[in-house]
Amino acid sequence: MKDIIDSYPEPKPATTTIATLLKRMQNKGFVAYNLMGNSRQYYALVAKADYFSTHVKGLIKNFFGSSAMQFASFFTTETNLSQRELEDLKKIINNQIKKTKS
């Protein structure tokens, strides 16, 4: 936990805050730990991409009526993306379309 707290900029969160978050994540099956003397070494049980994917799908379902189109429209209009970022996003979408055609 000390390493986690040390990774934060000032003002650092309270130890109890980090302990609570880790406990909640453990209870939900996202992290586990190994005991090392009096310390715990935490490790992820869920890959970041899997965790993120699940939450984005939930966000689309709960806030955009399961419509990826409404989410994309909101995302591209409300996040003030630059022309460069929109072009990069377009490339990602075009590459994904090519993959699904194969």
PDB file of N, CA and C in Angstrom:
ATOM      1  N   MET A   1       0.822  -1.180   0.000  1.00  0.00           N
ATOM      2  CA  MET A   1       0.000   0.000   0.000  1.00  0.00           C
ATOM      3  C   MET A   1       0.872   1.251   0.000  1.00  0.00           C
ATOM      4  N   LYS A   2       2.015   1.171   0.643  1.00  0.00           N
ATOM      5  CA  LYS A   2       2.927   2.313   0.691  1.00  0.00           C
ATOM      6  C   LYS A   2       3.341   2.734  -0.716  1.00  0.00           C
ATOM      7  N   ASP A   3       3.615   1.765  -1.583  1.00  0.00           N
ATOM      8  CA  ASP A   3       3.999   2.082  -2.961  1.00  0.00           C
ATOM      9  C   ASP A   3       2.876   2.782  -3.711  1.00  0.00           C
ATOM     10  N   ILE A   4       1.647   2.374  -3.456  1.00  0.00           N
ATOM     11  CA  ILE A   4       0.496   3.010  -4.099  1.00  0.00           C
ATOM     12  C   ILE A   4       0.391   4.462  -3.652  1.00  0.00           C
ATOM     13  N   ILE A   5       0.465   4.679  -2.357  1.00  0.00           N
ATOM     14  CA  ILE A   5       0.370   6.043  -1.820  1.00  0.00           C
ATOM     15  C   ILE A   5       1.510   6.895  -2.342  1.00  0.00           C
ATOM     16  N   ASP A   6       2.709   6.324  -2.388  1.00  0.00           N
ATOM     17  CA  ASP A   6       3.871   7.074  -2.866  1.00  0.00           C
ATOM     18  C   ASP A   6       3.734   7.488  -4.334  1.00  0.00           C
ATOM     19  N   SER A   7       2.945   6.747  -5.101  1.00  0.00           N
ATOM     20  CA  SER A   7       2.787   7.077  -6.521  1.00  0.00           C
ATOM     21  C   SER A   7       1.886   8.288  -6.755  1.00  0.00           C
ATOM     22  N   TYR A   8       1.138   8.701  -5.730  1.00  0.00           N
ATOM     23  CA  TYR A   8       0.255   9.857  -5.842  1.00  0.00           C
ATOM     24  C   TYR A   8       1.028  11.149  -5.629  1.00  0.00           C
ATOM     25  N   PRO A   9       0.621  12.232  -6.333  1.00  0.00           N
ATOM     26  CA  PRO A   9       1.235  13.542  -6.063  1.00  0.00           C
ATOM     27  C   PRO A   9       0.680  14.101  -4.759  1.00  0.00           C
ATOM     28  N   GLU A  10       1.316  15.135  -4.257  1.00  0.00           N
ATOM     29  CA  GLU A  10       0.817  15.822  -3.069  1.00  0.00           C
ATOM     30  C   GLU A  10      -0.458  16.567  -3.420  1.00  0.00           C
ATOM     31  N   PRO A  11      -1.416  16.663  -2.590  1.00  0.00           N
ATOM     32  CA  PRO A  11      -1.516  15.999  -1.299  1.00  0.00           C
ATOM     33  C   PRO A  11      -1.912  14.527  -1.484  1.00  0.00           C
ATOM     34  N   LYS A  12      -1.197  13.665  -0.829  1.00  0.00           N
ATOM     35  CA  LYS A  12      -1.411  12.230  -0.941  1.00  0.00           C
ATOM     36  C   LYS A  12      -2.680  11.823  -0.204  1.00  0.00           C
ATOM     37  N   PRO A  13      -3.374  10.792  -0.730  1.00  0.00           N
ATOM     38  CA  PRO A  13      -4.584  10.329  -0.036  1.00  0.00           C
ATOM     39  C   PRO A  13      -4.227   9.673   1.288  1.00  0.00           C
ATOM     40  N   ALA A  14      -5.182   9.628   2.172  1.00  0.00           N
ATOM     41  CA  ALA A  14      -4.976   9.005   3.477  1.00  0.00           C
ATOM     42  C   ALA A  14      -4.806   7.494   3.297  1.00  0.00           C
ATOM     43  N   THR A  15      -4.024   6.904   4.173  1.00  0.00           N
ATOM     44  CA  THR A  15      -3.820   5.456   4.155  1.00  0.00           C
ATOM     45  C   THR A  15      -5.147   4.719   4.259  1.00  0.00           C
ATOM     46  N   THR A  16      -6.042   5.218   5.076  1.00  0.00           N
ATOM     47  CA  THR A  16      -7.340   4.564   5.247  1.00  0.00           C
ATOM     48  C   THR A  16      -8.163   4.606   3.959  1.00  0.00           C
ATOM     49  N   THR A  17      -8.029   5.667   3.177  1.00  0.00           N
ATOM     50  CA  THR A  17      -8.736   5.781   1.904  1.00  0.00           C
ATOM     51  C   THR A  17      -8.262   4.699   0.943  1.00  0.00           C
ATOM     52  N   ILE A  18      -6.954   4.550   0.824  1.00  0.00           N
ATOM     53  CA  ILE A  18      -6.382   3.532  -0.069  1.00  0.00           C
ATOM     54  C   ILE A  18      -6.745   2.139   0.432  1.00  0.00           C
ATOM     55  N   ALA A  19      -6.679   1.925   1.739  1.00  0.00           N
ATOM     56  CA  ALA A  19      -7.032   0.618   2.312  1.00  0.00           C
ATOM     57  C   ALA A  19      -8.485   0.263   2.007  1.00  0.00           C
ATOM     58  N   THR A  20      -9.369   1.248   2.110  1.00  0.00           N
ATOM     59  CA  THR A  20     -10.787   1.016   1.814  1.00  0.00           C
ATOM     60  C   THR A  20     -10.980   0.660   0.347  1.00  0.00           C
ATOM     61  N   LEU A  21     -10.330   1.410  -0.541  1.00  0.00           N
ATOM     62  CA  LEU A  21     -10.450   1.126  -1.972  1.00  0.00           C
ATOM     63  C   LEU A  21      -9.920  -0.270  -2.308  1.00  0.00           C
ATOM     64  N   LEU A  22      -8.786  -0.627  -1.739  1.00  0.00           N
ATOM     65  CA  LEU A  22      -8.218  -1.952  -1.994  1.00  0.00           C
ATOM     66  C   LEU A  22      -9.136  -3.053  -1.468  1.00  0.00           C
ATOM     67  N   LYS A  23      -9.727  -2.836  -0.305  1.00  0.00           N
ATOM     68  CA  LYS A  23     -10.648  -3.821   0.265  1.00  0.00           C
ATOM     69  C   LYS A  23     -11.869  -3.995  -0.630  1.00  0.00           C
ATOM     70  N   ARG A  24     -12.412  -2.885  -1.121  1.00  0.00           N
ATOM     71  CA  ARG A  24     -13.570  -2.966  -2.020  1.00  0.00           C
ATOM     72  C   ARG A  24     -13.205  -3.690  -3.314  1.00  0.00           C
ATOM     73  N   MET A  25     -12.046  -3.377  -3.852  1.00  0.00           N
ATOM     74  CA  MET A  25     -11.605  -4.031  -5.087  1.00  0.00           C
ATOM     75  C   MET A  25     -11.374  -5.523  -4.854  1.00  0.00           C
ATOM     76  N   GLN A  26     -10.870  -5.860  -3.695  1.00  0.00           N
ATOM     77  CA  GLN A  26     -10.664  -7.264  -3.334  1.00  0.00           C
ATOM     78  C   GLN A  26     -12.008  -7.985  -3.223  1.00  0.00           C
ATOM     79  N   ASN A  27     -12.970  -7.370  -2.554  1.00  0.00           N
ATOM     80  CA  ASN A  27     -14.296  -7.965  -2.388  1.00  0.00           C
ATOM     81  C   ASN A  27     -15.008  -8.182  -3.717  1.00  0.00           C
ATOM     82  N   LYS A  28     -14.722  -7.319  -4.683  1.00  0.00           N
ATOM     83  CA  LYS A  28     -15.335  -7.442  -6.004  1.00  0.00           C
ATOM     84  C   LYS A  28     -14.555  -8.378  -6.927  1.00  0.00           C
ATOM     85  N   GLY A  29     -13.432  -8.889  -6.451  1.00  0.00           N
ATOM     86  CA  GLY A  29     -12.658  -9.836  -7.245  1.00  0.00           C
ATOM     87  C   GLY A  29     -11.726  -9.204  -8.261  1.00  0.00           C
ATOM     88  N   PHE A  30     -11.391  -7.921  -8.077  1.00  0.00           N
ATOM     89  CA  PHE A  30     -10.500  -7.244  -9.002  1.00  0.00           C
ATOM     90  C   PHE A  30      -9.035  -7.382  -8.617  1.00  0.00           C
ATOM     91  N   VAL A  31      -8.760  -7.471  -7.329  1.00  0.00           N
ATOM     92  CA  VAL A  31      -7.387  -7.611  -6.848  1.00  0.00           C
ATOM     93  C   VAL A  31      -7.317  -8.674  -5.761  1.00  0.00           C
ATOM     94  N   ALA A  32      -6.116  -9.163  -5.564  1.00  0.00           N
ATOM     95  CA  ALA A  32      -5.825 -10.080  -4.466  1.00  0.00           C
ATOM     96  C   ALA A  32      -4.461  -9.667  -3.915  1.00  0.00           C
ATOM     97  N   TYR A  33      -4.000 -10.376  -2.904  1.00  0.00           N
ATOM     98  CA  TYR A  33      -2.699 -10.018  -2.349  1.00  0.00           C
ATOM     99  C   TYR A  33      -1.987 -11.253  -1.810  1.00  0.00           C
ATOM    100  N   ASN A  34      -0.674 -11.110  -1.692  1.00  0.00           N
ATOM    101  CA  ASN A  34       0.172 -12.089  -1.025  1.00  0.00           C
ATOM    102  C   ASN A  34       0.700 -11.441   0.241  1.00  0.00           C
ATOM    103  N   LEU A  35       0.676 -12.189   1.330  1.00  0.00           N
ATOM    104  CA  LEU A  35       1.267 -11.681   2.571  1.00  0.00           C
ATOM    105  C   LEU A  35       2.773 -11.822   2.494  1.00  0.00           C
ATOM    106  N   MET A  36       3.460 -10.738   2.846  1.00  0.00           N
ATOM    107  CA  MET A  36       4.916 -10.727   2.867  1.00  0.00           C
ATOM    108  C   MET A  36       5.323 -10.121   4.208  1.00  0.00           C
ATOM    109  N   GLY A  37       5.453 -10.979   5.220  1.00  0.00           N
ATOM    110  CA  GLY A  37       5.704 -10.481   6.571  1.00  0.00           C
ATOM    111  C   GLY A  37       4.471  -9.762   7.066  1.00  0.00           C
ATOM    112  N   ASN A  38       4.646  -8.495   7.427  1.00  0.00           N
ATOM    113  CA  ASN A  38       3.515  -7.676   7.883  1.00  0.00           C
ATOM    114  C   ASN A  38       2.877  -6.881   6.744  1.00  0.00           C
ATOM    115  N   SER A  39       3.385  -7.065   5.533  1.00  0.00           N
ATOM    116  CA  SER A  39       2.899  -6.289   4.391  1.00  0.00           C
ATOM    117  C   SER A  39       2.090  -7.151   3.443  1.00  0.00           C
ATOM    118  N   ARG A  40       1.333  -6.486   2.620  1.00  0.00           N
ATOM    119  CA  ARG A  40       0.564  -7.160   1.579  1.00  0.00           C
ATOM    120  C   ARG A  40       1.050  -6.669   0.226  1.00  0.00           C
ATOM    121  N   GLN A  41       1.280  -7.619  -0.671  1.00  0.00           N
ATOM    122  CA  GLN A  41       1.633  -7.260  -2.038  1.00  0.00           C
ATOM    123  C   GLN A  41       0.401  -7.525  -2.898  1.00  0.00           C
ATOM    124  N   TYR A  42      -0.209  -6.435  -3.374  1.00  0.00           N
ATOM    125  CA  TYR A  42      -1.435  -6.544  -4.152  1.00  0.00           C
ATOM    126  C   TYR A  42      -1.111  -6.804  -5.613  1.00  0.00           C
ATOM    127  N   TYR A  43      -2.003  -7.541  -6.280  1.00  0.00           N
ATOM    128  CA  TYR A  43      -1.862  -7.787  -7.716  1.00  0.00           C
ATOM    129  C   TYR A  43      -3.254  -7.869  -8.338  1.00  0.00           C
ATOM    130  N   ALA A  44      -3.305  -7.536  -9.612  1.00  0.00           N
ATOM    131  CA  ALA A  44      -4.581  -7.506 -10.331  1.00  0.00           C
ATOM    132  C   ALA A  44      -5.044  -8.913 -10.677  1.00  0.00           C
ATOM    133  N   LEU A  45      -6.336  -9.140 -10.563  1.00  0.00           N
ATOM    134  CA  LEU A  45      -6.946 -10.393 -10.999  1.00  0.00           C
ATOM    135  C   LEU A  45      -7.661 -10.218 -12.338  1.00  0.00           C
ATOM    136  N   VAL A  46      -7.901  -8.982 -12.714  1.00  0.00           N
ATOM    137  CA  VAL A  46      -8.613  -8.663 -13.945  1.00  0.00           C
ATOM    138  C   VAL A  46      -7.717  -7.757 -14.782  1.00  0.00           C
ATOM    139  N   ALA A  47      -7.584  -8.082 -16.057  1.00  0.00           N
ATOM    140  CA  ALA A  47      -6.783  -7.248 -16.953  1.00  0.00           C
ATOM    141  C   ALA A  47      -7.437  -5.873 -17.108  1.00  0.00           C
ATOM    142  N   LYS A  48      -6.621  -4.856 -17.242  1.00  0.00           N
ATOM    143  CA  LYS A  48      -7.122  -3.485 -17.365  1.00  0.00           C
ATOM    144  C   LYS A  48      -8.100  -3.366 -18.532  1.00  0.00           C
ATOM    145  N   ALA A  49      -7.780  -3.978 -19.670  1.00  0.00           N
ATOM    146  CA  ALA A  49      -8.650  -3.891 -20.844  1.00  0.00           C
ATOM    147  C   ALA A  49     -10.010  -4.541 -20.567  1.00  0.00           C
ATOM    148  N   ASP A  50     -10.020  -5.668 -19.868  1.00  0.00           N
ATOM    149  CA  ASP A  50     -11.281  -6.336 -19.532  1.00  0.00           C
ATOM    150  C   ASP A  50     -12.123  -5.484 -18.589  1.00  0.00           C
ATOM    151  N   TYR A  51     -11.472  -4.920 -17.587  1.00  0.00           N
ATOM    152  CA  TYR A  51     -12.166  -4.061 -16.620  1.00  0.00           C
ATOM    153  C   TYR A  51     -12.772  -2.854 -17.332  1.00  0.00           C
ATOM    154  N   PHE A  52     -11.969  -2.199 -18.146  1.00  0.00           N
ATOM    155  CA  PHE A  52     -12.407  -1.001 -18.855  1.00  0.00           C
ATOM    156  C   PHE A  52     -13.543  -1.332 -19.819  1.00  0.00           C
ATOM    157  N   SER A  53     -13.402  -2.422 -20.539  1.00  0.00           N
ATOM    158  CA  SER A  53     -14.429  -2.840 -21.498  1.00  0.00           C
ATOM    159  C   SER A  53     -15.770  -3.059 -20.814  1.00  0.00           C
ATOM    160  N   THR A  54     -15.760  -3.745 -19.701  1.00  0.00           N
ATOM    161  CA  THR A  54     -16.987  -4.011 -18.956  1.00  0.00           C
ATOM    162  C   THR A  54     -17.648  -2.706 -18.510  1.00  0.00           C
ATOM    163  N   HIS A  55     -16.860  -1.770 -18.028  1.00  0.00           N
ATOM    164  CA  HIS A  55     -17.418  -0.519 -17.546  1.00  0.00           C
ATOM    165  C   HIS A  55     -17.924   0.372 -18.681  1.00  0.00           C
ATOM    166  N   VAL A  56     -17.222   0.376 -19.803  1.00  0.00           N
ATOM    167  CA  VAL A  56     -17.697   1.165 -20.942  1.00  0.00           C
ATOM    168  C   VAL A  56     -19.006   0.586 -21.472  1.00  0.00           C
ATOM    169  N   LYS A  57     -19.092  -0.730 -21.547  1.00  0.00           N
ATOM    170  CA  LYS A  57     -20.342  -1.361 -21.989  1.00  0.00           C
ATOM    171  C   LYS A  57     -21.485  -1.001 -21.043  1.00  0.00           C
ATOM    172  N   GLY A  58     -21.221  -0.989 -19.749  1.00  0.00           N
ATOM    173  CA  GLY A  58     -22.234  -0.600 -18.766  1.00  0.00           C
ATOM    174  C   GLY A  58     -22.638   0.855 -18.923  1.00  0.00           C
ATOM    175  N   LEU A  59     -21.669   1.710 -19.174  1.00  0.00           N
ATOM    176  CA  LEU A  59     -21.931   3.124 -19.391  1.00  0.00           C
ATOM    177  C   LEU A  59     -22.828   3.305 -20.613  1.00  0.00           C
ATOM    178  N   ILE A  60     -22.513   2.630 -21.699  1.00  0.00           N
ATOM    179  CA  ILE A  60     -23.320   2.730 -22.918  1.00  0.00           C
ATOM    180  C   ILE A  60     -24.732   2.219 -22.664  1.00  0.00           C
ATOM    181  N   LYS A  61     -24.837   1.115 -21.947  1.00  0.00           N
ATOM    182  CA  LYS A  61     -26.156   0.547 -21.646  1.00  0.00           C
ATOM    183  C   LYS A  61     -26.972   1.482 -20.759  1.00  0.00           C
ATOM    184  N   ASN A  62     -26.378   1.962 -19.677  1.00  0.00           N
ATOM    185  CA  ASN A  62     -27.104   2.733 -18.678  1.00  0.00           C
ATOM    186  C   ASN A  62     -27.392   4.185 -19.063  1.00  0.00           C
ATOM    187  N   PHE A  63     -26.475   4.805 -19.815  1.00  0.00           N
ATOM    188  CA  PHE A  63     -26.629   6.224 -20.107  1.00  0.00           C
ATOM    189  C   PHE A  63     -27.023   6.526 -21.547  1.00  0.00           C
ATOM    190  N   PHE A  64     -26.833   5.556 -22.431  1.00  0.00           N
ATOM    191  CA  PHE A  64     -27.106   5.797 -23.844  1.00  0.00           C
ATOM    192  C   PHE A  64     -28.062   4.771 -24.434  1.00  0.00           C
ATOM    193  N   GLY A  65     -28.848   4.122 -23.580  1.00  0.00           N
ATOM    194  CA  GLY A  65     -29.859   3.181 -24.035  1.00  0.00           C
ATOM    195  C   GLY A  65     -29.310   2.058 -24.887  1.00  0.00           C
ATOM    196  N   SER A  66     -28.125   1.595 -24.564  1.00  0.00           N
ATOM    197  CA  SER A  66     -27.426   0.521 -25.297  1.00  0.00           C
ATOM    198  C   SER A  66     -27.076   0.918 -26.728  1.00  0.00           C
ATOM    199  N   SER A  67     -27.062   2.207 -27.019  1.00  0.00           N
ATOM    200  CA  SER A  67     -26.750   2.679 -28.364  1.00  0.00           C
ATOM    201  C   SER A  67     -25.313   3.179 -28.443  1.00  0.00           C
ATOM    202  N   ALA A  68     -24.465   2.398 -29.096  1.00  0.00           N
ATOM    203  CA  ALA A  68     -23.075   2.814 -29.304  1.00  0.00           C
ATOM    204  C   ALA A  68     -23.033   4.073 -30.170  1.00  0.00           C
ATOM    205  N   MET A  69     -23.999   4.229 -31.061  1.00  0.00           N
ATOM    206  CA  MET A  69     -24.050   5.416 -31.916  1.00  0.00           C
ATOM    207  C   MET A  69     -24.286   6.683 -31.083  1.00  0.00           C
ATOM    208  N   GLN A  70     -25.207   6.606 -30.125  1.00  0.00           N
ATOM    209  CA  GLN A  70     -25.460   7.773 -29.271  1.00  0.00           C
ATOM    210  C   GLN A  70     -24.223   8.091 -28.430  1.00  0.00           C
ATOM    211  N   PHE A  71     -23.555   7.039 -27.942  1.00  0.00           N
ATOM    212  CA  PHE A  71     -22.329   7.244 -27.170  1.00  0.00           C
ATOM    213  C   PHE A  71     -21.266   7.920 -28.036  1.00  0.00           C
ATOM    214  N   ALA A  72     -21.057   7.412 -29.254  1.00  0.00           N
ATOM    215  CA  ALA A  72     -20.045   7.971 -30.149  1.00  0.00           C
ATOM    216  C   ALA A  72     -20.361   9.424 -30.493  1.00  0.00           C
ATOM    217  N   SER A  73     -21.623   9.697 -30.732  1.00  0.00           N
ATOM    218  CA  SER A  73     -22.035  11.064 -31.044  1.00  0.00           C
ATOM    219  C   SER A  73     -21.739  11.992 -29.872  1.00  0.00           C
ATOM    220  N   PHE A  74     -22.126  11.574 -28.681  1.00  0.00           N
ATOM    221  CA  PHE A  74     -21.866  12.375 -27.478  1.00  0.00           C
ATOM    222  C   PHE A  74     -20.363  12.557 -27.280  1.00  0.00           C
ATOM    223  N   PHE A  75     -19.616  11.474 -27.391  1.00  0.00           N
ATOM    224  CA  PHE A  75     -18.175  11.510 -27.163  1.00  0.00           C
ATOM    225  C   PHE A  75     -17.477  12.467 -28.124  1.00  0.00           C
ATOM    226  N   THR A  76     -17.844  12.396 -29.403  1.00  0.00           N
ATOM    227  CA  THR A  76     -17.150  13.223 -30.393  1.00  0.00           C
ATOM    228  C   THR A  76     -17.569  14.683 -30.353  1.00  0.00           C
ATOM    229  N   THR A  77     -18.783  14.971 -29.883  1.00  0.00           N
ATOM    230  CA  THR A  77     -19.219  16.370 -29.853  1.00  0.00           C
ATOM    231  C   THR A  77     -18.945  17.056 -28.519  1.00  0.00           C
ATOM    232  N   GLU A  78     -18.961  16.310 -27.433  1.00  0.00           N
ATOM    233  CA  GLU A  78     -18.860  16.924 -26.109  1.00  0.00           C
ATOM    234  C   GLU A  78     -17.465  16.910 -25.493  1.00  0.00           C
ATOM    235  N   THR A  79     -16.503  16.266 -26.140  1.00  0.00           N
ATOM    236  CA  THR A  79     -15.168  16.190 -25.550  1.00  0.00           C
ATOM    237  C   THR A  79     -14.177  17.147 -26.187  1.00  0.00           C
ATOM    238  N   ASN A  80     -14.656  17.972 -27.121  1.00  0.00           N
ATOM    239  CA  ASN A  80     -13.806  18.979 -27.764  1.00  0.00           C
ATOM    240  C   ASN A  80     -12.528  18.383 -28.355  1.00  0.00           C
ATOM    241  N   LEU A  81     -12.691  17.290 -29.099  1.00  0.00           N
ATOM    242  CA  LEU A  81     -11.543  16.667 -29.740  1.00  0.00           C
ATOM    243  C   LEU A  81     -11.005  17.575 -30.837  1.00  0.00           C
ATOM    244  N   SER A  82      -9.680  17.585 -30.975  1.00  0.00           N
ATOM    245  CA  SER A  82      -9.068  18.368 -32.047  1.00  0.00           C
ATOM    246  C   SER A  82      -9.273  17.647 -33.382  1.00  0.00           C
ATOM    247  N   GLN A  83      -8.998  18.349 -34.459  1.00  0.00           N
ATOM    248  CA  GLN A  83      -9.125  17.730 -35.776  1.00  0.00           C
ATOM    249  C   GLN A  83      -8.187  16.529 -35.867  1.00  0.00           C
ATOM    250  N   ARG A  84      -7.011  16.658 -35.336  1.00  0.00           N
ATOM    251  CA  ARG A  84      -6.022  15.563 -35.347  1.00  0.00           C
ATOM    252  C   ARG A  84      -6.568  14.347 -34.587  1.00  0.00           C
ATOM    253  N   GLU A  85      -7.157  14.578 -33.419  1.00  0.00           N
ATOM    254  CA  GLU A  85      -7.714  13.472 -32.634  1.00  0.00           C
ATOM    255  C   GLU A  85      -8.882  12.814 -33.353  1.00  0.00           C
ATOM    256  N   LEU A  86      -9.709  13.616 -34.008  1.00  0.00           N
ATOM    257  CA  LEU A  86     -10.819  13.049 -34.780  1.00  0.00           C
ATOM    258  C   LEU A  86     -10.306  12.220 -35.957  1.00  0.00           C
ATOM    259  N   GLU A  87      -9.260  12.700 -36.625  1.00  0.00           N
ATOM    260  CA  GLU A  87      -8.660  11.934 -37.730  1.00  0.00           C
ATOM    261  C   GLU A  87      -8.077  10.618 -37.215  1.00  0.00           C
ATOM    262  N   ASP A  88      -7.421  10.664 -36.067  1.00  0.00           N
ATOM    263  CA  ASP A  88      -6.871   9.437 -35.474  1.00  0.00           C
ATOM    264  C   ASP A  88      -7.983   8.465 -35.112  1.00  0.00           C
ATOM    265  N   LEU A  89      -9.070   8.983 -34.573  1.00  0.00           N
ATOM    266  CA  LEU A  89     -10.225   8.154 -34.233  1.00  0.00           C
ATOM    267  C   LEU A  89     -10.821   7.528 -35.495  1.00  0.00           C
ATOM    268  N   LYS A  90     -10.888   8.310 -36.552  1.00  0.00           N
ATOM    269  CA  LYS A  90     -11.395   7.814 -37.838  1.00  0.00           C
ATOM    270  C   LYS A  90     -10.526   6.660 -38.342  1.00  0.00           C
ATOM    271  N   LYS A  91      -9.218   6.780 -38.203  1.00  0.00           N
ATOM    272  CA  LYS A  91      -8.302   5.707 -38.625  1.00  0.00           C
ATOM    273  C   LYS A  91      -8.551   4.433 -37.813  1.00  0.00           C
ATOM    274  N   ILE A  92      -8.744   4.596 -36.534  1.00  0.00           N
ATOM    275  CA  ILE A  92      -9.009   3.438 -35.666  1.00  0.00           C
ATOM    276  C   ILE A  92     -10.293   2.746 -36.114  1.00  0.00           C
ATOM    277  N   ILE A  93     -11.320   3.531 -36.374  1.00  0.00           N
ATOM    278  CA  ILE A  93     -12.601   2.958 -36.807  1.00  0.00           C
ATOM    279  C   ILE A  93     -12.443   2.271 -38.159  1.00  0.00           C
ATOM    280  N   ASN A  94     -11.758   2.922 -39.100  1.00  0.00           N
ATOM    281  CA  ASN A  94     -11.551   2.307 -40.417  1.00  0.00           C
ATOM    282  C   ASN A  94     -10.761   1.002 -40.316  1.00  0.00           C
ATOM    283  N   ASN A  95      -9.761   0.962 -39.452  1.00  0.00           N
ATOM    284  CA  ASN A  95      -8.985  -0.273 -39.260  1.00  0.00           C
ATOM    285  C   ASN A  95      -9.856  -1.374 -38.674  1.00  0.00           C
ATOM    286  N   GLN A  96     -10.739  -1.012 -37.764  1.00  0.00           N
ATOM    287  CA  GLN A  96     -11.636  -1.996 -37.164  1.00  0.00           C
ATOM    288  C   GLN A  96     -12.626  -2.528 -38.202  1.00  0.00           C
ATOM    289  N   ILE A  97     -13.098  -1.658 -39.080  1.00  0.00           N
ATOM    290  CA  ILE A  97     -14.006  -2.087 -40.151  1.00  0.00           C
ATOM    291  C   ILE A  97     -13.291  -3.085 -41.062  1.00  0.00           C
ATOM    292  N   LYS A  98     -12.030  -2.802 -41.396  1.00  0.00           N
ATOM    293  CA  LYS A  98     -11.261  -3.719 -42.240  1.00  0.00           C
ATOM    294  C   LYS A  98     -11.096  -5.086 -41.570  1.00  0.00           C
ATOM    295  N   LYS A  99     -10.853  -5.080 -40.273  1.00  0.00           N
ATOM    296  CA  LYS A  99     -10.685  -6.348 -39.530  1.00  0.00           C
ATOM    297  C   LYS A  99     -11.948  -7.176 -39.537  1.00  0.00           C
ATOM    298  N   THR A 100     -13.105  -6.517 -39.417  1.00  0.00           N
ATOM    299  CA  THR A 100     -14.357  -7.265 -39.364  1.00  0.00           C
ATOM    300  C   THR A 100     -14.754  -7.814 -40.727  1.00  0.00           C
ATOM    301  N   LYS A 101     -14.242  -7.206 -41.795  1.00  0.00           N
ATOM    302  CA  LYS A 101     -14.520  -7.682 -43.152  1.00  0.00           C
ATOM    303  C   LYS A 101     -13.690  -8.922 -43.480  1.00  0.00           C
ATOM    304  N   SER A 102     -12.563  -9.061 -42.806  1.00  0.00           N
ATOM    305  CA  SER A 102     -11.650 -10.199 -43.086  1.00  0.00           C
ATOM    306  C   SER A 102     -12.127 -11.489 -42.507  1.00  0.00           C
TER     307      SER A 102
END
